[in-house]
Protein backbone atom coordinates (compact mmCIF):
# COMPACT_ATOMS: atom_id res chain seq x y z
CA MET A 1 114.29 -78.14 97.45
CA GLY A 2 115.65 -78.83 93.98
CA ARG A 3 114.18 -77.19 90.91
CA LYS A 4 112.43 -80.36 89.69
CA ALA A 5 110.94 -81.08 93.10
CA ASP A 6 109.85 -77.44 93.38
CA ASN A 7 108.20 -77.55 89.95
CA GLN A 8 106.48 -80.83 90.77
CA GLN A 9 105.13 -79.41 94.03
CA PHE A 10 103.78 -76.41 92.11
CA ARG A 11 102.05 -78.69 89.57
CA ASP A 12 100.68 -80.88 92.37
CA ALA A 13 99.27 -77.82 94.15
CA CYS A 14 97.63 -76.61 90.93
CA ASN A 15 96.09 -80.03 90.36
CA HIS A 16 94.95 -80.19 94.00
CA MET A 17 93.12 -76.88 93.53
CA GLY A 18 91.59 -77.97 90.21
CA MET A 19 93.26 -75.29 88.12
CA THR A 20 92.88 -75.28 84.37
CA PRO A 21 96.06 -75.06 82.26
CA ALA A 22 95.38 -71.34 81.71
CA GLU A 23 94.90 -70.76 85.44
CA ARG A 24 98.11 -72.68 86.15
CA ASP A 25 100.02 -70.43 83.74
CA GLY A 26 98.53 -67.34 85.36
CA PHE A 27 99.30 -68.67 88.83
CA SER A 28 102.92 -69.22 87.79
CA ASP A 29 103.13 -65.55 86.77
CA TYR A 30 101.42 -64.57 90.04
CA ILE A 31 104.00 -66.50 92.09
CA HIS A 32 106.88 -64.95 90.15
CA ASP A 33 105.38 -61.50 90.70
CA LEU A 34 105.10 -62.16 94.44
CA LYS A 35 108.76 -63.12 94.58
CA ALA A 36 109.75 -60.07 92.52
CA CYS A 37 107.91 -57.86 95.04
CA GLY A 38 109.83 -59.43 97.91
CA GLU A 39 107.31 -61.97 99.18
CA ARG A 40 109.41 -65.08 99.53
CA GLY A 41 108.47 -68.55 100.66
CA THR A 42 109.93 -70.22 103.72
CA ALA A 43 110.78 -73.64 102.24
CA ASN A 44 114.47 -72.77 101.79
CA ASP A 45 117.01 -69.98 101.26
CA LEU A 46 115.88 -69.62 97.62
CA GLY A 47 112.48 -68.35 98.74
CA ASP A 48 110.52 -71.35 97.51
CA PHE A 49 107.03 -71.66 98.92
CA THR A 50 105.94 -74.52 101.16
CA TRP A 51 102.90 -76.63 100.26
CA ASP A 52 100.70 -74.63 102.64
CA GLU A 53 102.00 -71.33 101.28
CA LEU A 54 101.31 -72.46 97.70
CA LEU A 55 97.77 -73.45 98.62
CA ARG A 56 97.15 -70.14 100.40
CA HIS A 57 98.45 -68.13 97.45
CA GLY A 58 96.59 -70.39 95.06
CA ARG A 59 93.29 -69.73 96.83
CA ASP A 60 94.00 -65.98 96.76
CA TYR A 61 94.80 -66.15 93.05
CA LEU A 62 91.70 -68.19 92.19
CA GLU A 63 89.46 -65.80 94.12
CA GLN A 64 90.73 -63.02 91.85
CA VAL A 65 90.39 -64.85 88.53
CA ARG A 66 87.17 -66.78 89.17
CA LYS A 67 85.01 -63.79 90.14
């Protein structure tokens, strides 16, 4: 998946989950931290996350920040 398509999918997932701009920024950091710790997505060889993976991680992230 190209960078622009990957970024658009990320934005679409954030919108789908009803994230605020601040939550979207935090989720971006969360995803980068996951990748830095070795948790890679399965969308391609770059480790991009699939739609389902983004939604799963998004729900996990929102559970943490919306307590």
